[in-house]
Amino acid sequence: MLDYIFQLVSKVEFHVGAQNIRSQIAMERLGAKKIAEREVAYFGESNRLNFVYEIDKVDWYNMILRICGHIIKLIRFD
C-alpha cells in the first residue's frame, strides 16, 4: 500500500492513539518517525492524545533496500 501511495506523495502521516502501544511499535518497525503529539476530539467522548508518525518516501525505499540485502545474505549459498 505504501508503494502505491508514494507514487503520488512524498510523505505519509499516521495518527496513532497514545495508549495503542502495538501500533506505535508497528509504526517504528516500518521506519516511521514520531513527529508530533495532538489532542483529538472524538464524537461523544473526551479528547484523546494521539501521536503523529511520518514515513518519508526516500526513507521507505532505503528501508526496503536494506531488508532485501538481509534476505539476499540469508539465502546466499556458499
PDB file of N, CA and C in Angstrom:
ATOM      1  N   MET A   1       0.816  -1.187   0.000  1.00  0.00           N
ATOM      2  CA  MET A   1       0.000   0.000   0.000  1.00  0.00           C
ATOM      3  C   MET A   1       0.872   1.269   0.000  1.00  0.00           C
ATOM      4  N   LEU A   2       1.953   1.240   0.776  1.00  0.00           N
ATOM      5  CA  LEU A   2       2.822   2.415   0.809  1.00  0.00           C
ATOM      6  C   LEU A   2       3.511   2.633  -0.531  1.00  0.00           C
ATOM      7  N   ASP A   3       3.889   1.550  -1.201  1.00  0.00           N
ATOM      8  CA  ASP A   3       4.492   1.716  -2.528  1.00  0.00           C
ATOM      9  C   ASP A   3       3.544   2.457  -3.462  1.00  0.00           C
ATOM     10  N   TYR A   4       2.272   2.134  -3.386  1.00  0.00           N
ATOM     11  CA  TYR A   4       1.282   2.806  -4.242  1.00  0.00           C
ATOM     12  C   TYR A   4       1.161   4.285  -3.890  1.00  0.00           C
ATOM     13  N   ILE A   5       0.994   4.594  -2.607  1.00  0.00           N
ATOM     14  CA  ILE A   5       0.782   5.994  -2.218  1.00  0.00           C
ATOM     15  C   ILE A   5       2.017   6.846  -2.513  1.00  0.00           C
ATOM     16  N   PHE A   6       3.219   6.233  -2.433  1.00  0.00           N
ATOM     17  CA  PHE A   6       4.432   7.001  -2.707  1.00  0.00           C
ATOM     18  C   PHE A   6       4.600   7.308  -4.191  1.00  0.00           C
ATOM     19  N   GLN A   7       3.755   6.769  -5.040  1.00  0.00           N
ATOM     20  CA  GLN A   7       3.725   7.196  -6.439  1.00  0.00           C
ATOM     21  C   GLN A   7       3.070   8.574  -6.550  1.00  0.00           C
ATOM     22  N   LEU A   8       2.305   8.944  -5.521  1.00  0.00           N
ATOM     23  CA  LEU A   8       1.518  10.175  -5.560  1.00  0.00           C
ATOM     24  C   LEU A   8       2.018  11.264  -4.611  1.00  0.00           C
ATOM     25  N   VAL A   9       2.599  10.862  -3.481  1.00  0.00           N
ATOM     26  CA  VAL A   9       3.053  11.833  -2.473  1.00  0.00           C
ATOM     27  C   VAL A   9       4.447  11.456  -1.995  1.00  0.00           C
ATOM     28  N   SER A  10       5.094  12.381  -1.279  1.00  0.00           N
ATOM     29  CA  SER A  10       6.450  12.104  -0.795  1.00  0.00           C
ATOM     30  C   SER A  10       6.503  11.801   0.698  1.00  0.00           C
ATOM     31  N   LYS A  11       5.410  12.064   1.427  1.00  0.00           N
ATOM     32  CA  LYS A  11       5.359  11.779   2.862  1.00  0.00           C
ATOM     33  C   LYS A  11       3.959  11.298   3.230  1.00  0.00           C
ATOM     34  N   VAL A  12       3.905  10.415   4.235  1.00  0.00           N
ATOM     35  CA  VAL A  12       2.627   9.901   4.721  1.00  0.00           C
ATOM     36  C   VAL A  12       2.604  10.068   6.231  1.00  0.00           C
ATOM     37  N   GLU A  13       1.476  10.544   6.768  1.00  0.00           N
ATOM     38  CA  GLU A  13       1.300  10.678   8.208  1.00  0.00           C
ATOM     39  C   GLU A  13       0.312   9.648   8.719  1.00  0.00           C
ATOM     40  N   PHE A  14       0.605   9.126   9.903  1.00  0.00           N
ATOM     41  CA  PHE A  14      -0.283   8.198  10.589  1.00  0.00           C
ATOM     42  C   PHE A  14      -0.584   8.760  11.970  1.00  0.00           C
ATOM     43  N   HIS A  15      -1.831   8.686  12.392  1.00  0.00           N
ATOM     44  CA  HIS A  15      -2.234   9.134  13.717  1.00  0.00           C
ATOM     45  C   HIS A  15      -2.541   7.893  14.545  1.00  0.00           C
ATOM     46  N   VAL A  16      -1.811   7.745  15.660  1.00  0.00           N
ATOM     47  CA  VAL A  16      -1.918   6.553  16.490  1.00  0.00           C
ATOM     48  C   VAL A  16      -2.247   6.991  17.917  1.00  0.00           C
ATOM     49  N   GLY A  17      -3.208   6.324  18.527  1.00  0.00           N
ATOM     50  CA  GLY A  17      -3.566   6.640  19.906  1.00  0.00           C
ATOM     51  C   GLY A  17      -2.392   6.443  20.851  1.00  0.00           C
ATOM     52  N   ALA A  18      -2.272   7.341  21.818  1.00  0.00           N
ATOM     53  CA  ALA A  18      -1.161   7.285  22.780  1.00  0.00           C
ATOM     54  C   ALA A  18      -1.186   5.996  23.588  1.00  0.00           C
ATOM     55  N   GLN A  19      -2.344   5.403  23.759  1.00  0.00           N
ATOM     56  CA  GLN A  19      -2.468   4.149  24.511  1.00  0.00           C
ATOM     57  C   GLN A  19      -2.252   2.915  23.634  1.00  0.00           C
ATOM     58  N   ASN A  20      -2.162   3.100  22.325  1.00  0.00           N
ATOM     59  CA  ASN A  20      -2.060   1.988  21.389  1.00  0.00           C
ATOM     60  C   ASN A  20      -0.588   1.625  21.155  1.00  0.00           C
ATOM     61  N   ILE A  21      -0.019   0.935  22.120  1.00  0.00           N
ATOM     62  CA  ILE A  21       1.407   0.608  22.090  1.00  0.00           C
ATOM     63  C   ILE A  21       1.751  -0.300  20.905  1.00  0.00           C
ATOM     64  N   ARG A  22       0.897  -1.267  20.616  1.00  0.00           N
ATOM     65  CA  ARG A  22       1.182  -2.197  19.500  1.00  0.00           C
ATOM     66  C   ARG A  22       1.313  -1.454  18.178  1.00  0.00           C
ATOM     67  N   SER A  23       0.419  -0.489  17.926  1.00  0.00           N
ATOM     68  CA  SER A  23       0.502   0.271  16.674  1.00  0.00           C
ATOM     69  C   SER A  23       1.714   1.193  16.657  1.00  0.00           C
ATOM     70  N   GLN A  24       2.088   1.725  17.808  1.00  0.00           N
ATOM     71  CA  GLN A  24       3.288   2.558  17.876  1.00  0.00           C
ATOM     72  C   GLN A  24       4.524   1.738  17.523  1.00  0.00           C
ATOM     73  N   ILE A  25       4.600   0.525  18.053  1.00  0.00           N
ATOM     74  CA  ILE A  25       5.730  -0.364  17.733  1.00  0.00           C
ATOM     75  C   ILE A  25       5.728  -0.694  16.243  1.00  0.00           C
ATOM     76  N   ALA A  26       4.551  -0.974  15.699  1.00  0.00           N
ATOM     77  CA  ALA A  26       4.448  -1.286  14.267  1.00  0.00           C
ATOM     78  C   ALA A  26       4.926  -0.115  13.413  1.00  0.00           C
ATOM     79  N   MET A  27       4.542   1.101  13.781  1.00  0.00           N
ATOM     80  CA  MET A  27       4.972   2.285  13.024  1.00  0.00           C
ATOM     81  C   MET A  27       6.493   2.396  13.034  1.00  0.00           C
ATOM     82  N   GLU A  28       7.097   2.186  14.204  1.00  0.00           N
ATOM     83  CA  GLU A  28       8.553   2.297  14.298  1.00  0.00           C
ATOM     84  C   GLU A  28       9.248   1.199  13.499  1.00  0.00           C
ATOM     85  N   ARG A  29       8.671   0.012  13.477  1.00  0.00           N
ATOM     86  CA  ARG A  29       9.258  -1.077  12.685  1.00  0.00           C
ATOM     87  C   ARG A  29       9.174  -0.799  11.193  1.00  0.00           C
ATOM     88  N   LEU A  30       8.181  -0.023  10.791  1.00  0.00           N
ATOM     89  CA  LEU A  30       8.067   0.369   9.380  1.00  0.00           C
ATOM     90  C   LEU A  30       8.989   1.537   9.030  1.00  0.00           C
ATOM     91  N   GLY A  31       9.661   2.078  10.030  1.00  0.00           N
ATOM     92  CA  GLY A  31      10.581   3.182   9.789  1.00  0.00           C
ATOM     93  C   GLY A  31       9.965   4.552   9.983  1.00  0.00           C
ATOM     94  N   ALA A  32       8.754   4.604  10.541  1.00  0.00           N
ATOM     95  CA  ALA A  32       8.101   5.893  10.777  1.00  0.00           C
ATOM     96  C   ALA A  32       8.769   6.614  11.941  1.00  0.00           C
ATOM     97  N   LYS A  33       8.743   7.944  11.873  1.00  0.00           N
ATOM     98  CA  LYS A  33       9.298   8.781  12.929  1.00  0.00           C
ATOM     99  C   LYS A  33       8.165   9.526  13.613  1.00  0.00           C
ATOM    100  N   LYS A  34       8.187   9.551  14.935  1.00  0.00           N
ATOM    101  CA  LYS A  34       7.185  10.297  15.692  1.00  0.00           C
ATOM    102  C   LYS A  34       7.520  11.775  15.575  1.00  0.00           C
ATOM    103  N   ILE A  35       6.585  12.549  15.009  1.00  0.00           N
ATOM    104  CA  ILE A  35       6.875  13.965  14.751  1.00  0.00           C
ATOM    105  C   ILE A  35       6.028  14.922  15.588  1.00  0.00           C
ATOM    106  N   ALA A  36       4.956  14.413  16.222  1.00  0.00           N
ATOM    107  CA  ALA A  36       4.097  15.323  16.979  1.00  0.00           C
ATOM    108  C   ALA A  36       3.173  14.550  17.904  1.00  0.00           C
ATOM    109  N   GLU A  37       2.587  15.287  18.834  1.00  0.00           N
ATOM    110  CA  GLU A  37       1.528  14.764  19.692  1.00  0.00           C
ATOM    111  C   GLU A  37       0.355  15.726  19.570  1.00  0.00           C
ATOM    112  N   ARG A  38      -0.856  15.181  19.404  1.00  0.00           N
ATOM    113  CA  ARG A  38      -2.033  16.038  19.214  1.00  0.00           C
ATOM    114  C   ARG A  38      -3.212  15.526  20.021  1.00  0.00           C
ATOM    115  N   GLU A  39      -3.941  16.455  20.587  1.00  0.00           N
ATOM    116  CA  GLU A  39      -5.216  16.118  21.228  1.00  0.00           C
ATOM    117  C   GLU A  39      -6.270  16.038  20.126  1.00  0.00           C
ATOM    118  N   VAL A  40      -7.025  14.940  20.117  1.00  0.00           N
ATOM    119  CA  VAL A  40      -8.029  14.735  19.080  1.00  0.00           C
ATOM    120  C   VAL A  40      -9.391  14.609  19.738  1.00  0.00           C
ATOM    121  N   ALA A  41     -10.371  15.341  19.200  1.00  0.00           N
ATOM    122  CA  ALA A  41     -11.736  15.273  19.702  1.00  0.00           C
ATOM    123  C   ALA A  41     -12.490  14.162  18.979  1.00  0.00           C
ATOM    124  N   TYR A  42     -13.088  13.273  19.758  1.00  0.00           N
ATOM    125  CA  TYR A  42     -13.908  12.202  19.205  1.00  0.00           C
ATOM    126  C   TYR A  42     -15.358  12.476  19.551  1.00  0.00           C
ATOM    127  N   PHE A  43     -16.249  12.208  18.632  1.00  0.00           N
ATOM    128  CA  PHE A  43     -17.671  12.479  18.819  1.00  0.00           C
ATOM    129  C   PHE A  43     -18.192  11.773  20.065  1.00  0.00           C
ATOM    130  N   GLY A  44     -18.773  12.550  20.973  1.00  0.00           N
ATOM    131  CA  GLY A  44     -19.386  11.994  22.170  1.00  0.00           C
ATOM    132  C   GLY A  44     -18.405  11.511  23.223  1.00  0.00           C
ATOM    133  N   GLU A  45     -17.126  11.783  23.048  1.00  0.00           N
ATOM    134  CA  GLU A  45     -16.106  11.350  24.000  1.00  0.00           C
ATOM    135  C   GLU A  45     -15.193  12.520  24.333  1.00  0.00           C
ATOM    136  N   SER A  46     -14.435  12.359  25.383  1.00  0.00           N
ATOM    137  CA  SER A  46     -13.451  13.396  25.723  1.00  0.00           C
ATOM    138  C   SER A  46     -12.270  13.319  24.759  1.00  0.00           C
ATOM    139  N   ASN A  47     -11.490  14.399  24.720  1.00  0.00           N
ATOM    140  CA  ASN A  47     -10.310  14.431  23.852  1.00  0.00           C
ATOM    141  C   ASN A  47      -9.326  13.346  24.248  1.00  0.00           C
ATOM    142  N   ARG A  48      -8.598  12.858  23.249  1.00  0.00           N
ATOM    143  CA  ARG A  48      -7.574  11.837  23.488  1.00  0.00           C
ATOM    144  C   ARG A  48      -6.278  12.268  22.824  1.00  0.00           C
ATOM    145  N   LEU A  49      -5.188  11.849  23.436  1.00  0.00           N
ATOM    146  CA  LEU A  49      -3.870  12.153  22.891  1.00  0.00           C
ATOM    147  C   LEU A  49      -3.530  11.153  21.787  1.00  0.00           C
ATOM    148  N   ASN A  50      -3.131  11.670  20.649  1.00  0.00           N
ATOM    149  CA  ASN A  50      -2.644  10.857  19.532  1.00  0.00           C
ATOM    150  C   ASN A  50      -1.208  11.246  19.227  1.00  0.00           C
ATOM    151  N   PHE A  51      -0.437  10.275  18.764  1.00  0.00           N
ATOM    152  CA  PHE A  51       0.912  10.534  18.278  1.00  0.00           C
ATOM    153  C   PHE A  51       0.854  10.542  16.755  1.00  0.00           C
ATOM    154  N   VAL A  52       1.581  11.472  16.156  1.00  0.00           N
ATOM    155  CA  VAL A  52       1.636  11.565  14.700  1.00  0.00           C
ATOM    156  C   VAL A  52       2.982  11.005  14.247  1.00  0.00           C
ATOM    157  N   TYR A  53       2.920  10.004  13.378  1.00  0.00           N
ATOM    158  CA  TYR A  53       4.113   9.390  12.797  1.00  0.00           C
ATOM    159  C   TYR A  53       4.180   9.741  11.324  1.00  0.00           C
ATOM    160  N   GLU A  54       5.397   9.834  10.813  1.00  0.00           N
ATOM    161  CA  GLU A  54       5.595  10.180   9.405  1.00  0.00           C
ATOM    162  C   GLU A  54       6.573   9.195   8.774  1.00  0.00           C
ATOM    163  N   ILE A  55       6.244   8.785   7.554  1.00  0.00           N
ATOM    164  CA  ILE A  55       7.166   7.982   6.747  1.00  0.00           C
ATOM    165  C   ILE A  55       7.468   8.780   5.485  1.00  0.00           C
ATOM    166  N   ASP A  56       8.738   8.986   5.227  1.00  0.00           N
ATOM    167  CA  ASP A  56       9.215   9.703   4.055  1.00  0.00           C
ATOM    168  C   ASP A  56       9.499   8.698   2.939  1.00  0.00           C
ATOM    169  N   LYS A  57       9.204   9.082   1.721  1.00  0.00           N
ATOM    170  CA  LYS A  57       9.378   8.202   0.559  1.00  0.00           C
ATOM    171  C   LYS A  57      10.809   7.665   0.445  1.00  0.00           C
ATOM    172  N   VAL A  58      11.789   8.535   0.567  1.00  0.00           N
ATOM    173  CA  VAL A  58      13.188   8.115   0.432  1.00  0.00           C
ATOM    174  C   VAL A  58      13.556   7.153   1.554  1.00  0.00           C
ATOM    175  N   ASP A  59      13.151   7.469   2.789  1.00  0.00           N
ATOM    176  CA  ASP A  59      13.437   6.586   3.914  1.00  0.00           C
ATOM    177  C   ASP A  59      12.773   5.228   3.733  1.00  0.00           C
ATOM    178  N   TRP A  60      11.543   5.222   3.200  1.00  0.00           N
ATOM    179  CA  TRP A  60      10.821   3.976   2.970  1.00  0.00           C
ATOM    180  C   TRP A  60      11.573   3.081   1.989  1.00  0.00           C
ATOM    181  N   TYR A  61      11.985   3.650   0.861  1.00  0.00           N
ATOM    182  CA  TYR A  61      12.681   2.843  -0.134  1.00  0.00           C
ATOM    183  C   TYR A  61      14.064   2.398   0.335  1.00  0.00           C
ATOM    184  N   ASN A  62      14.734   3.225   1.136  1.00  0.00           N
ATOM    185  CA  ASN A  62      16.015   2.807   1.710  1.00  0.00           C
ATOM    186  C   ASN A  62      15.832   1.623   2.654  1.00  0.00           C
ATOM    187  N   MET A  63      14.758   1.641   3.436  1.00  0.00           N
ATOM    188  CA  MET A  63      14.481   0.535   4.333  1.00  0.00           C
ATOM    189  C   MET A  63      14.203  -0.750   3.542  1.00  0.00           C
ATOM    190  N   ILE A  64      13.429  -0.635   2.456  1.00  0.00           N
ATOM    191  CA  ILE A  64      13.144  -1.796   1.609  1.00  0.00           C
ATOM    192  C   ILE A  64      14.444  -2.373   1.049  1.00  0.00           C
ATOM    193  N   LEU A  65      15.347  -1.517   0.613  1.00  0.00           N
ATOM    194  CA  LEU A  65      16.636  -1.985   0.076  1.00  0.00           C
ATOM    195  C   LEU A  65      17.453  -2.699   1.149  1.00  0.00           C
ATOM    196  N   ARG A  66      17.448  -2.184   2.381  1.00  0.00           N
ATOM    197  CA  ARG A  66      18.170  -2.848   3.473  1.00  0.00           C
ATOM    198  C   ARG A  66      17.587  -4.230   3.748  1.00  0.00           C
ATOM    199  N   ILE A  67      16.258  -4.322   3.768  1.00  0.00           N
ATOM    200  CA  ILE A  67      15.605  -5.614   4.010  1.00  0.00           C
ATOM    201  C   ILE A  67      15.972  -6.601   2.900  1.00  0.00           C
ATOM    202  N   CYS A  68      15.946  -6.144   1.661  1.00  0.00           N
ATOM    203  CA  CYS A  68      16.307  -7.022   0.540  1.00  0.00           C
ATOM    204  C   CYS A  68      17.745  -7.499   0.673  1.00  0.00           C
ATOM    205  N   GLY A  69      18.635  -6.632   1.122  1.00  0.00           N
ATOM    206  CA  GLY A  69      20.029  -7.012   1.324  1.00  0.00           C
ATOM    207  C   GLY A  69      20.163  -8.095   2.376  1.00  0.00           C
ATOM    208  N   HIS A  70      19.396  -7.985   3.453  1.00  0.00           N
ATOM    209  CA  HIS A  70      19.426  -9.004   4.506  1.00  0.00           C
ATOM    210  C   HIS A  70      18.895 -10.341   3.985  1.00  0.00           C
ATOM    211  N   ILE A  71      17.849 -10.281   3.199  1.00  0.00           N
ATOM    212  CA  ILE A  71      17.274 -11.509   2.653  1.00  0.00           C
ATOM    213  C   ILE A  71      18.269 -12.199   1.724  1.00  0.00           C
ATOM    214  N   ILE A  72      18.947 -11.412   0.884  1.00  0.00           N
ATOM    215  CA  ILE A  72      19.939 -11.994  -0.022  1.00  0.00           C
ATOM    216  C   ILE A  72      21.050 -12.678   0.757  1.00  0.00           C
ATOM    217  N   LYS A  73      21.490 -12.059   1.859  1.00  0.00           N
ATOM    218  CA  LYS A  73      22.532 -12.679   2.687  1.00  0.00           C
ATOM    219  C   LYS A  73      22.048 -13.982   3.290  1.00  0.00           C
ATOM    220  N   LEU A  74      20.782 -14.034   3.670  1.00  0.00           N
ATOM    221  CA  LEU A  74      20.239 -15.239   4.289  1.00  0.00           C
ATOM    222  C   LEU A  74      20.109 -16.410   3.310  1.00  0.00           C
ATOM    223  N   ILE A  75      19.809 -16.113   2.046  1.00  0.00           N
ATOM    224  CA  ILE A  75      19.584 -17.204   1.087  1.00  0.00           C
ATOM    225  C   ILE A  75      20.809 -17.510   0.228  1.00  0.00           C
ATOM    226  N   ARG A  76      21.873 -16.761   0.420  1.00  0.00           N
ATOM    227  CA  ARG A  76      23.088 -16.988  -0.367  1.00  0.00           C
ATOM    228  C   ARG A  76      23.662 -18.349  -0.026  1.00  0.00           C
ATOM    229  N   PHE A  77      24.009 -19.103  -1.054  1.00  0.00           N
ATOM    230  CA  PHE A  77      24.600 -20.423  -0.871  1.00  0.00           C
ATOM    231  C   PHE A  77      26.100 -20.304  -1.006  1.00  0.00           C
ATOM    232  N   ASP A  78      26.802 -20.732   0.024  1.00  0.00           N
ATOM    233  CA  ASP A  78      28.276 -20.669  -0.005  1.00  0.00           C
ATOM    234  C   ASP A  78      28.869 -22.013  -0.280  1.00  0.00           C
TER     235      ASP A  78
END
